[in-house]
Amino acid sequence: MWACDLRAGIAVLTYTRPPENVLGFADLAELDQALQSLADDERARLIVLTGGIPGYFVAHADLADVGALVHGTETGPAGPDAWQRALGRLSAIPQPVIAAINGQAWGGGLELALSCLMRVASPGAHFRFPEVADGAIPGAGGTQRLPHPQRRDRRAAGSARTRPYRRHLARRAVSRCRPRLGRPDRCTATALTGCRQASSAAHRQSASRPRHRP
């Protein structure tokens, strides 16, 4: 499901699960293991998550797993804790992790993207929390992560509407957009540029602060 391509210090994890790249508990456990291996790999300086099916980053969580959880039936060895483990690993891993969003990122797909340090989107990327329309809230931290990058529009955390990448870019939920994001080298180059800019901005901000001597 998750294929890793490590070249020149950049590890691209591509998720492929036909037909729509839904994300199940077992897939999250696999992602957690891949991230754990990369965390200890000195060759990997940057990690990129992307989708391997045209039109999909991660469509949404696997509704079969969600249904089994709701009805109390067997969910497999991974279980629902796989969400917290994988997303927690994304936050704690020493390397920066970039979500290269090349299509639909709804529900769990959006929560996965929000757990990354940066989100790079193609014009075909679109975002939504469809569970909100049914009276549910995002269950993997999306209610906390989405308002943070948007800042100026916290109401969007509870929105069930589909939002194209330009609107999210304006609200800072998407860090960069690329007209042609299909190739991994394009998204990684953009991600590296963004990381360097963010690092330089943080350095300038730190240097501009007054220093207080004891």
Protein backbone atom coordinates (compact mmCIF):
# COMPACT_ATOMS: atom_id res chain seq x y z
CA MET A 1 0.00 0.00 0.00
CA TRP A 2 2.80 2.42 0.98
CA ALA A 3 5.80 2.38 -1.37
CA CYS A 4 9.00 4.15 -0.29
CA ASP A 5 11.40 5.71 -2.78
CA LEU A 6 14.51 7.13 -1.08
CA ARG A 7 16.75 9.22 -3.29
CA ALA A 8 19.16 12.07 -2.58
CA GLY A 9 17.99 12.42 1.00
CA ILE A 10 14.27 12.58 0.11
CA ALA A 11 11.96 9.70 1.01
CA VAL A 12 8.71 9.72 -0.99
CA LEU A 13 5.99 7.53 0.54
CA THR A 14 3.34 6.88 -2.10
CA TYR A 15 -0.03 5.46 -1.06
CA THR A 16 -1.78 3.26 -3.60
CA ARG A 17 -4.99 1.43 -2.81
CA PRO A 18 -7.35 1.21 -5.80
CA PRO A 19 -9.84 2.37 -6.66
CA GLU A 20 -10.03 5.50 -4.43
CA ASN A 21 -7.15 5.37 -1.94
CA VAL A 22 -9.27 4.95 1.18
CA LEU A 23 -7.20 4.66 4.35
CA GLY A 24 -7.81 1.78 6.75
CA PHE A 25 -6.43 0.83 10.15
CA ALA A 26 -3.98 -1.66 8.60
CA ASP A 27 -2.75 0.98 6.15
CA LEU A 28 -2.10 3.41 9.01
CA ALA A 29 -0.17 0.73 10.89
CA GLU A 30 1.93 0.21 7.75
CA LEU A 31 2.55 3.96 7.51
CA ASP A 32 3.57 4.04 11.18
CA GLN A 33 6.12 1.27 10.58
CA ALA A 34 7.51 3.02 7.50
CA LEU A 35 7.89 6.29 9.40
CA GLN A 36 9.56 4.51 12.31
CA SER A 37 12.12 3.00 9.92
CA LEU A 38 12.79 6.36 8.25
CA ALA A 39 13.17 8.13 11.59
CA ASP A 40 16.32 6.08 12.26
CA ASP A 41 17.62 6.31 8.69
CA GLU A 42 20.31 8.98 8.43
CA ARG A 43 19.95 9.02 4.64
CA ALA A 44 16.40 10.42 4.87
CA ARG A 45 16.44 14.19 5.44
CA LEU A 46 12.92 14.92 4.15
CA ILE A 47 9.77 12.79 3.89
CA VAL A 48 6.97 13.36 1.37
CA LEU A 49 3.54 11.69 1.50
CA THR A 50 1.54 11.55 -1.72
CA GLY A 51 -1.12 9.54 -3.51
CA GLY A 52 -0.39 7.01 -6.23
CA ILE A 53 -3.82 7.09 -7.92
CA PRO A 54 -4.72 10.02 -10.22
CA GLY A 55 -7.21 12.33 -8.55
CA TYR A 56 -6.62 11.04 -5.02
CA PHE A 57 -4.24 11.90 -2.21
CA VAL A 58 -6.16 9.90 0.39
CA ALA A 59 -9.86 9.92 -0.41
CA HIS A 60 -11.03 9.37 3.18
CA ALA A 61 -10.93 6.82 5.98
CA ASP A 62 -12.01 3.29 5.15
CA LEU A 63 -15.72 3.32 5.95
CA ALA A 64 -15.69 -0.47 6.40
CA ASP A 65 -13.34 -0.04 9.36
CA VAL A 66 -15.41 2.81 10.75
CA GLY A 67 -18.60 0.75 10.41
CA ALA A 68 -17.02 -2.22 12.16
CA LEU A 69 -15.92 0.05 14.98
CA VAL A 70 -19.40 1.53 15.36
CA HIS A 71 -21.08 -1.89 15.42
CA GLY A 72 -18.49 -3.43 17.74
CA THR A 73 -17.29 -6.05 15.27
CA GLU A 74 -13.72 -7.14 14.53
CA THR A 75 -11.55 -4.37 13.07
CA GLY A 76 -8.37 -6.40 12.56
CA PRO A 77 -5.10 -6.42 14.49
CA ALA A 78 -4.33 -2.72 13.97
CA GLY A 79 -7.49 -1.27 15.48
CA PRO A 80 -8.58 2.38 15.73
CA ASP A 81 -5.50 3.32 17.78
CA ALA A 82 -3.56 3.14 14.52
CA TRP A 83 -4.80 6.65 13.73
CA GLN A 84 -3.26 8.17 16.84
CA ARG A 85 -0.04 6.21 16.50
CA ALA A 86 0.54 7.16 12.86
CA LEU A 87 -0.43 10.83 13.21
CA GLY A 88 1.54 11.07 16.43
CA ARG A 89 4.56 9.65 14.61
CA LEU A 90 4.18 12.34 11.93
CA SER A 91 4.35 15.03 14.61
CA ALA A 92 7.27 13.50 16.51
CA ILE A 93 9.52 12.29 13.68
CA PRO A 94 12.77 14.28 13.44
CA GLN A 95 12.55 14.85 9.67
CA PRO A 96 10.12 17.39 8.17
CA VAL A 97 7.14 15.66 6.54
CA ILE A 98 5.41 17.20 3.52
CA ALA A 99 1.96 16.25 2.22
CA ALA A 100 1.95 16.49 -1.59
CA ILE A 101 -1.80 16.65 -2.13
CA ASN A 102 -2.55 15.65 -5.70
CA GLY A 103 -6.32 15.16 -5.51
CA GLN A 104 -9.12 14.40 -3.07
CA ALA A 105 -8.28 14.74 0.62
CA TRP A 106 -11.51 14.31 2.55
CA GLY A 107 -12.07 13.24 6.13
CA GLY A 108 -9.17 11.06 7.17
CA GLY A 109 -7.15 12.17 4.15
CA LEU A 110 -7.40 15.78 5.26
CA GLU A 111 -6.50 14.82 8.84
CA LEU A 112 -3.43 13.00 7.52
CA ALA A 113 -2.38 16.07 5.52
CA LEU A 114 -2.92 18.40 8.48
CA SER A 115 -0.61 16.26 10.60
CA CYS A 116 2.28 17.02 8.27
CA LEU A 117 4.56 20.01 8.67
CA MET A 118 3.67 21.42 5.25
CA ARG A 119 1.03 20.84 2.60
CA VAL A 120 1.78 21.31 -1.10
CA ALA A 121 -1.31 21.11 -3.32
CA SER A 122 -2.09 20.81 -7.00
CA PRO A 123 -5.02 22.75 -8.52
CA GLY A 124 -6.98 19.48 -8.53
CA ALA A 125 -6.72 19.08 -4.76
CA HIS A 126 -9.93 19.47 -2.76
CA PHE A 127 -10.70 19.20 0.93
CA ARG A 128 -13.72 18.35 3.02
CA PHE A 129 -14.88 16.91 6.34
CA PRO A 130 -18.05 15.15 5.09
CA GLU A 131 -18.78 13.63 8.50
CA VAL A 132 -19.76 17.07 9.79
CA ALA A 133 -22.89 16.98 7.61
CA ASP A 134 -23.96 13.84 9.50
CA GLY A 135 -23.47 15.42 12.92
CA ALA A 136 -20.05 13.88 13.60
CA ILE A 137 -16.74 15.63 14.19
CA PRO A 138 -13.29 14.73 12.82
CA GLY A 139 -12.02 11.99 15.10
CA ALA A 140 -8.24 12.12 14.65
CA GLY A 141 -7.39 15.64 15.77
CA GLY A 142 -8.69 17.60 12.79
CA THR A 143 -10.70 19.96 15.01
CA GLN A 144 -7.44 21.04 16.65
CA ARG A 145 -5.13 20.99 13.62
CA LEU A 146 -7.34 22.71 11.05
CA PRO A 147 -7.95 26.01 12.88
CA HIS A 148 -4.23 26.46 13.55
CA PRO A 149 -3.01 26.96 9.96
CA GLN A 150 -6.16 28.84 8.98
CA ARG A 151 -6.14 31.23 11.95
CA ARG A 152 -8.47 33.79 10.36
CA ASP A 153 -11.35 31.43 9.65
CA ARG A 154 -11.83 28.99 12.51
CA ARG A 155 -15.38 28.25 11.38
CA ALA A 156 -13.96 26.14 8.54
CA ALA A 157 -13.02 23.46 11.08
CA GLY A 158 -16.68 22.51 11.17
CA SER A 159 -17.37 22.88 7.47
CA ALA A 160 -18.76 20.04 5.39
CA ARG A 161 -18.35 21.98 2.14
CA THR A 162 -15.75 21.03 -0.43
CA ARG A 163 -13.01 23.64 -0.55
CA PRO A 164 -10.67 23.92 -3.54
CA TYR A 165 -6.97 24.45 -2.99
CA ARG A 166 -6.97 28.21 -3.73
CA ARG A 167 -9.33 28.96 -0.85
CA HIS A 168 -7.31 26.81 1.50
CA LEU A 169 -4.11 28.47 0.30
CA ALA A 170 -5.55 31.87 1.19
CA ARG A 171 -6.34 30.59 4.68
CA ARG A 172 -2.87 29.04 5.05
CA ALA A 173 -4.11 25.46 5.41
CA VAL A 174 -2.11 24.75 2.25
CA SER A 175 1.46 25.97 2.34
CA ARG A 176 2.20 26.01 -1.40
CA CYS A 177 0.42 25.24 -4.67
CA ARG A 178 1.95 23.88 -7.84
CA PRO A 179 0.22 23.85 -11.25
CA ARG A 180 1.90 20.53 -12.14
CA LEU A 181 2.27 18.44 -9.01
CA GLY A 182 2.11 15.04 -10.68
CA ARG A 183 5.86 14.50 -10.51
CA PRO A 184 7.46 13.88 -7.08
CA ASP A 185 10.50 15.99 -7.95
CA ARG A 186 8.30 19.05 -8.43
CA CYS A 187 6.55 18.73 -5.08
CA THR A 188 9.77 17.95 -3.21
CA ALA A 189 11.55 20.91 -4.77
CA THR A 190 8.69 23.17 -3.73
CA ALA A 191 8.64 21.62 -0.26
CA LEU A 192 12.39 22.11 0.18
CA THR A 193 12.09 25.74 -0.90
CA GLY A 194 9.30 26.26 1.61
CA CYS A 195 11.30 24.63 4.40
CA ARG A 196 14.30 26.83 3.66
CA GLN A 197 12.10 29.95 3.63
CA ALA A 198 10.44 28.96 6.91
CA SER A 199 13.83 28.25 8.48
CA SER A 200 15.22 31.59 7.31
CA ALA A 201 12.16 33.45 8.58
CA ALA A 202 12.45 31.77 11.99
CA HIS A 203 16.17 32.66 12.13
CA ARG A 204 15.47 36.31 11.26
CA GLN A 205 12.71 36.48 13.84
CA SER A 206 14.98 35.00 16.49
CA ALA A 207 17.82 37.39 15.57
CA SER A 208 15.53 40.42 15.77
CA ARG A 209 14.44 39.71 19.34
CA PRO A 210 16.16 41.80 21.99
CA ARG A 211 18.68 39.90 24.00
CA HIS A 212 18.46 40.31 27.76
CA ARG A 213 21.63 39.87 29.70
CA PRO A 214 21.40 38.44 33.21
